[in-house]
PDB file of N, CA and C in Angstrom:
ATOM      1  N   UNK A   1       0.844  -1.172   0.002  1.00  0.00           N
ATOM      2  CA  UNK A   1       0.007  -0.027  -0.024  1.00  0.00           C
ATOM      3  C   UNK A   1       0.891   1.229   0.004  1.00  0.00           C
ATOM      4  N   UNK A   2       0.557   2.167  -0.872  1.00  0.00           N
ATOM      5  CA  UNK A   2       1.312   3.426  -0.983  1.00  0.00           C
ATOM      6  C   UNK A   2       0.400   4.609  -0.659  1.00  0.00           C
ATOM      7  N   UNK A   3       1.032   5.639  -0.168  1.00  0.00           N
ATOM      8  CA  UNK A   3       0.340   6.841   0.269  1.00  0.00           C
ATOM      9  C   UNK A   3       0.783   7.999  -0.606  1.00  0.00           C
ATOM     10  N   UNK A   4      -0.206   8.793  -1.051  1.00  0.00           N
ATOM     11  CA  UNK A   4       0.096   9.983  -1.841  1.00  0.00           C
ATOM     12  C   UNK A   4      -0.604  11.217  -1.178  1.00  0.00           C
ATOM     13  N   UNK A   5      -0.031  12.381  -1.390  1.00  0.00           N
ATOM     14  CA  UNK A   5      -0.580  13.618  -0.826  1.00  0.00           C
ATOM     15  C   UNK A   5      -0.470  14.725  -1.859  1.00  0.00           C
ATOM     16  N   UNK A   6      -1.548  15.471  -2.043  1.00  0.00           N
ATOM     17  CA  UNK A   6      -1.540  16.651  -2.899  1.00  0.00           C
ATOM     18  C   UNK A   6      -1.205  17.836  -2.009  1.00  0.00           C
ATOM     19  N   UNK A   7       0.049  18.134  -1.869  1.00  0.00           N
ATOM     20  CA  UNK A   7       0.513  19.187  -0.955  1.00  0.00           C
ATOM     21  C   UNK A   7      -0.032  20.578  -1.339  1.00  0.00           C
ATOM     22  N   UNK A   8      -0.297  20.810  -2.602  1.00  0.00           N
ATOM     23  CA  UNK A   8      -0.789  22.114  -3.030  1.00  0.00           C
ATOM     24  C   UNK A   8      -2.207  22.351  -2.515  1.00  0.00           C
ATOM     25  N   UNK A   9      -2.973  21.298  -2.268  1.00  0.00           N
ATOM     26  CA  UNK A   9      -4.371  21.467  -1.815  1.00  0.00           C
ATOM     27  C   UNK A   9      -4.530  21.320  -0.302  1.00  0.00           C
ATOM     28  N   UNK A  10      -3.404  21.040   0.377  1.00  0.00           N
ATOM     29  CA  UNK A  10      -3.441  20.879   1.853  1.00  0.00           C
ATOM     30  C   UNK A  10      -3.819  22.154   2.540  1.00  0.00           C
ATOM     31  N   UNK A  11      -4.756  22.077   3.521  1.00  0.00           N
ATOM     32  CA  UNK A  11      -5.175  23.251   4.260  1.00  0.00           C
ATOM     33  C   UNK A  11      -4.590  23.315   5.660  1.00  0.00           C
ATOM     34  N   UNK A  12      -3.611  22.442   5.943  1.00  0.00           N
ATOM     35  CA  UNK A  12      -2.823  22.494   7.189  1.00  0.00           C
ATOM     36  C   UNK A  12      -3.638  22.226   8.449  1.00  0.00           C
ATOM     37  N   UNK A  13      -4.612  21.347   8.373  1.00  0.00           N
ATOM     38  CA  UNK A  13      -5.404  21.029   9.572  1.00  0.00           C
ATOM     39  C   UNK A  13      -4.637  20.211  10.605  1.00  0.00           C
ATOM     40  N   UNK A  14      -3.709  19.382  10.137  1.00  0.00           N
ATOM     41  CA  UNK A  14      -2.921  18.566  11.060  1.00  0.00           C
ATOM     42  C   UNK A  14      -3.583  17.289  11.491  1.00  0.00           C
ATOM     43  N   UNK A  15      -4.767  17.008  10.947  1.00  0.00           N
ATOM     44  CA  UNK A  15      -5.456  15.754  11.337  1.00  0.00           C
ATOM     45  C   UNK A  15      -4.617  14.529  11.002  1.00  0.00           C
ATOM     46  N   UNK A  16      -3.901  14.548   9.910  1.00  0.00           N
ATOM     47  CA  UNK A  16      -3.090  13.420   9.507  1.00  0.00           C
ATOM     48  C   UNK A  16      -1.989  13.137  10.541  1.00  0.00           C
ATOM     49  N   UNK A  17      -1.348  14.172  11.002  1.00  0.00           N
ATOM     50  CA  UNK A  17      -0.268  14.023  11.987  1.00  0.00           C
ATOM     51  C   UNK A  17      -0.819  13.473  13.309  1.00  0.00           C
ATOM     52  N   UNK A  18      -1.999  13.946  13.720  1.00  0.00           N
ATOM     53  CA  UNK A  18      -2.650  13.425  14.888  1.00  0.00           C
ATOM     54  C   UNK A  18      -3.006  11.955  14.776  1.00  0.00           C
ATOM     55  N   UNK A  19      -3.246  11.530  13.529  1.00  0.00           N
ATOM     56  CA  UNK A  19      -3.614  10.126  13.301  1.00  0.00           C
ATOM     57  C   UNK A  19      -2.367   9.215  13.333  1.00  0.00           C
ATOM     58  N   UNK A  20      -1.275   9.698  12.724  1.00  0.00           N
ATOM     59  CA  UNK A  20      -0.024   8.862  12.696  1.00  0.00           C
ATOM     60  C   UNK A  20       1.207   9.743  12.528  1.00  0.00           C
ATOM     61  N   UNK A  21       1.936   9.909  13.604  1.00  0.00           N
ATOM     62  CA  UNK A  21       3.231  10.624  13.530  1.00  0.00           C
ATOM     63  C   UNK A  21       4.288   9.792  12.820  1.00  0.00           C
ATOM     64  N   UNK A  22       4.029   8.503  12.612  1.00  0.00           N
ATOM     65  CA  UNK A  22       4.981   7.673  11.904  1.00  0.00           C
ATOM     66  C   UNK A  22       4.874   7.860  10.386  1.00  0.00           C
ATOM     67  N   UNK A  23       3.721   8.357   9.897  1.00  0.00           N
ATOM     68  CA  UNK A  23       3.457   8.517   8.490  1.00  0.00           C
ATOM     69  C   UNK A  23       3.552   9.989   8.038  1.00  0.00           C
ATOM     70  N   UNK A  24       3.138  10.885   8.912  1.00  0.00           N
ATOM     71  CA  UNK A  24       2.966  12.298   8.523  1.00  0.00           C
ATOM     72  C   UNK A  24       3.694  13.266   9.420  1.00  0.00           C
ATOM     73  N   UNK A  25       4.056  14.376   8.824  1.00  0.00           N
ATOM     74  CA  UNK A  25       4.602  15.509   9.526  1.00  0.00           C
ATOM     75  C   UNK A  25       4.035  16.758   8.817  1.00  0.00           C
ATOM     76  N   UNK A  26       4.399  17.927   9.297  1.00  0.00           N
ATOM     77  CA  UNK A  26       4.033  19.175   8.662  1.00  0.00           C
ATOM     78  C   UNK A  26       5.275  20.034   8.512  1.00  0.00           C
ATOM     79  N   UNK A  27       5.340  20.765   7.391  1.00  0.00           N
ATOM     80  CA  UNK A  27       6.469  21.677   7.204  1.00  0.00           C
ATOM     81  C   UNK A  27       6.189  22.971   7.994  1.00  0.00           C
ATOM     82  N   UNK A  28       7.069  23.956   7.842  1.00  0.00           N
ATOM     83  CA  UNK A  28       6.946  25.199   8.615  1.00  0.00           C
ATOM     84  C   UNK A  28       5.637  25.940   8.351  1.00  0.00           C
ATOM     85  N   UNK A  29       5.005  25.709   7.208  1.00  0.00           N
ATOM     86  CA  UNK A  29       3.751  26.339   6.887  1.00  0.00           C
ATOM     87  C   UNK A  29       2.553  25.471   7.296  1.00  0.00           C
ATOM     88  N   UNK A  30       2.814  24.320   7.851  1.00  0.00           N
ATOM     89  CA  UNK A  30       1.737  23.412   8.274  1.00  0.00           C
ATOM     90  C   UNK A  30       1.254  22.459   7.199  1.00  0.00           C
ATOM     91  N   UNK A  31       1.924  22.478   6.038  1.00  0.00           N
ATOM     92  CA  UNK A  31       1.527  21.601   4.943  1.00  0.00           C
ATOM     93  C   UNK A  31       2.040  20.162   5.204  1.00  0.00           C
ATOM     94  N   UNK A  32       1.198  19.190   4.841  1.00  0.00           N
ATOM     95  CA  UNK A  32       1.534  17.790   5.070  1.00  0.00           C
ATOM     96  C   UNK A  32       2.852  17.412   4.398  1.00  0.00           C
ATOM     97  N   UNK A  33       3.612  16.585   5.121  1.00  0.00           N
ATOM     98  CA  UNK A  33       4.861  15.986   4.604  1.00  0.00           C
ATOM     99  C   UNK A  33       4.718  14.483   4.838  1.00  0.00           C
ATOM    100  N   UNK A  34       4.860  13.680   3.802  1.00  0.00           N
ATOM    101  CA  UNK A  34       4.855  12.255   3.964  1.00  0.00           C
ATOM    102  C   UNK A  34       6.223  11.788   4.418  1.00  0.00           C
ATOM    103  N   UNK A  35       6.251  11.051   5.519  1.00  0.00           N
ATOM    104  CA  UNK A  35       7.539  10.514   6.048  1.00  0.00           C
ATOM    105  C   UNK A  35       7.909   9.276   5.306  1.00  0.00           C
ATOM    106  N   UNK A  36       6.955   8.599   4.657  1.00  0.00           N
ATOM    107  CA  UNK A  36       7.182   7.417   3.835  1.00  0.00           C
ATOM    108  C   UNK A  36       6.001   7.322   2.868  1.00  0.00           C
ATOM    109  N   UNK A  37       6.298   6.835   1.664  1.00  0.00           N
ATOM    110  CA  UNK A  37       5.229   6.570   0.727  1.00  0.00           C
ATOM    111  C   UNK A  37       4.727   5.146   0.899  1.00  0.00           C
ATOM    112  N   UNK A  38       5.609   4.237   1.331  1.00  0.00           N
ATOM    113  CA  UNK A  38       5.235   2.847   1.539  1.00  0.00           C
ATOM    114  C   UNK A  38       4.731   2.664   2.975  1.00  0.00           C
ATOM    115  N   UNK A  39       3.437   2.377   3.070  1.00  0.00           N
ATOM    116  CA  UNK A  39       2.823   2.253   4.402  1.00  0.00           C
ATOM    117  C   UNK A  39       3.111   0.901   4.992  1.00  0.00           C
ATOM    118  N   UNK A  40       3.764   0.850   6.165  1.00  0.00           N
ATOM    119  CA  UNK A  40       4.029  -0.395   6.815  1.00  0.00           C
ATOM    120  C   UNK A  40       2.698  -1.071   7.220  1.00  0.00           C
ATOM    121  N   UNK A  41       2.665  -2.357   7.256  1.00  0.00           N
ATOM    122  CA  UNK A  41       1.444  -3.079   7.595  1.00  0.00           C
ATOM    123  C   UNK A  41       0.901  -2.609   8.961  1.00  0.00           C
ATOM    124  N   UNK A  42       1.747  -2.316   9.851  1.00  0.00           N
ATOM    125  CA  UNK A  42       1.355  -1.889  11.223  1.00  0.00           C
ATOM    126  C   UNK A  42       0.668  -0.527  11.206  1.00  0.00           C
ATOM    127  N   UNK A  43       0.820   0.250  10.141  1.00  0.00           N
ATOM    128  CA  UNK A  43       0.239   1.590  10.028  1.00  0.00           C
ATOM    129  C   UNK A  43      -0.904   1.715   9.061  1.00  0.00           C
ATOM    130  N   UNK A  44      -1.350   0.579   8.448  1.00  0.00           N
ATOM    131  CA  UNK A  44      -2.356   0.632   7.456  1.00  0.00           C
ATOM    132  C   UNK A  44      -3.691   1.173   7.935  1.00  0.00           C
ATOM    133  N   UNK A  45      -4.123   0.785   9.149  1.00  0.00           N
ATOM    134  CA  UNK A  45      -5.349   1.311   9.702  1.00  0.00           C
ATOM    135  C   UNK A  45      -5.264   2.818   9.950  1.00  0.00           C
ATOM    136  N   UNK A  46      -4.147   3.259  10.437  1.00  0.00           N
ATOM    137  CA  UNK A  46      -3.940   4.711  10.623  1.00  0.00           C
ATOM    138  C   UNK A  46      -3.938   5.492   9.291  1.00  0.00           C
ATOM    139  N   UNK A  47      -3.335   4.876   8.286  1.00  0.00           N
ATOM    140  CA  UNK A  47      -3.309   5.541   6.972  1.00  0.00           C
ATOM    141  C   UNK A  47      -4.758   5.672   6.424  1.00  0.00           C
ATOM    142  N   UNK A  48      -5.510   4.601   6.566  1.00  0.00           N
ATOM    143  CA  UNK A  48      -6.923   4.659   6.109  1.00  0.00           C
ATOM    144  C   UNK A  48      -7.694   5.716   6.866  1.00  0.00           C
ATOM    145  N   UNK A  49      -7.497   5.788   8.170  1.00  0.00           N
ATOM    146  CA  UNK A  49      -8.203   6.786   8.967  1.00  0.00           C
ATOM    147  C   UNK A  49      -7.797   8.203   8.542  1.00  0.00           C
ATOM    148  N   UNK A  50      -6.557   8.448   8.297  1.00  0.00           N
ATOM    149  CA  UNK A  50      -6.065   9.753   7.900  1.00  0.00           C
ATOM    150  C   UNK A  50      -6.677  10.183   6.562  1.00  0.00           C
ATOM    151  N   UNK A  51      -6.748   9.254   5.650  1.00  0.00           N
ATOM    152  CA  UNK A  51      -7.370   9.537   4.372  1.00  0.00           C
ATOM    153  C   UNK A  51      -8.863   9.898   4.574  1.00  0.00           C
ATOM    154  N   UNK A  52      -9.534   9.149   5.430  1.00  0.00           N
ATOM    155  CA  UNK A  52     -10.954   9.385   5.662  1.00  0.00           C
ATOM    156  C   UNK A  52     -11.264  10.703   6.339  1.00  0.00           C
ATOM    157  N   UNK A  53     -10.367  11.150   7.234  1.00  0.00           N
ATOM    158  CA  UNK A  53     -10.690  12.362   8.009  1.00  0.00           C
ATOM    159  C   UNK A  53     -10.030  13.645   7.509  1.00  0.00           C
ATOM    160  N   UNK A  54      -9.250  13.539   6.410  1.00  0.00           N
ATOM    161  CA  UNK A  54      -8.629  14.741   5.893  1.00  0.00           C
ATOM    162  C   UNK A  54      -9.695  15.679   5.340  1.00  0.00           C
ATOM    163  N   UNK A  55      -9.823  16.888   5.907  1.00  0.00           N
ATOM    164  CA  UNK A  55     -10.913  17.798   5.460  1.00  0.00           C
ATOM    165  C   UNK A  55     -10.731  18.327   4.032  1.00  0.00           C
ATOM    166  N   UNK A  56      -9.524  18.267   3.522  1.00  0.00           N
ATOM    167  CA  UNK A  56      -9.321  18.786   2.162  1.00  0.00           C
ATOM    168  C   UNK A  56      -9.210  17.618   1.165  1.00  0.00           C
ATOM    169  N   UNK A  57      -9.314  16.412   1.646  1.00  0.00           N
ATOM    170  CA  UNK A  57      -9.241  15.191   0.779  1.00  0.00           C
ATOM    171  C   UNK A  57      -7.952  15.169  -0.064  1.00  0.00           C
ATOM    172  N   UNK A  58      -6.845  15.497   0.568  1.00  0.00           N
ATOM    173  CA  UNK A  58      -5.541  15.557  -0.188  1.00  0.00           C
ATOM    174  C   UNK A  58      -4.779  14.230  -0.100  1.00  0.00           C
ATOM    175  N   UNK A  59      -5.203  13.328   0.762  1.00  0.00           N
ATOM    176  CA  UNK A  59      -4.501  12.068   0.928  1.00  0.00           C
ATOM    177  C   UNK A  59      -5.195  10.935   0.138  1.00  0.00           C
ATOM    178  N   UNK A  60      -4.359  10.051  -0.400  1.00  0.00           N
ATOM    179  CA  UNK A  60      -4.908   8.963  -1.201  1.00  0.00           C
ATOM    180  C   UNK A  60      -4.014   7.688  -1.009  1.00  0.00           C
ATOM    181  N   UNK A  61      -4.704   6.587  -0.883  1.00  0.00           N
ATOM    182  CA  UNK A  61      -3.994   5.298  -0.842  1.00  0.00           C
ATOM    183  C   UNK A  61      -4.039   4.641  -2.239  1.00  0.00           C
ATOM    184  N   UNK A  62      -2.933   4.144  -2.684  1.00  0.00           N
ATOM    185  CA  UNK A  62      -2.905   3.464  -4.001  1.00  0.00           C
ATOM    186  C   UNK A  62      -2.242   2.130  -3.870  1.00  0.00           C
TER     187      UNK A  62
END
């Protein structure tokens, strides 16, 4: 499972980081930063939750 993010559309809510600090961070402007594109099996549920709760729908699992 791979994770993608449209950083240009990110509204800096931080919900993704609150869901998984192992997968997400934010830059100085609050925009999402993927810490890895390859989601470890142990983080799959967190990745799905982050995709579901992102208010700007910028996250996608492929």
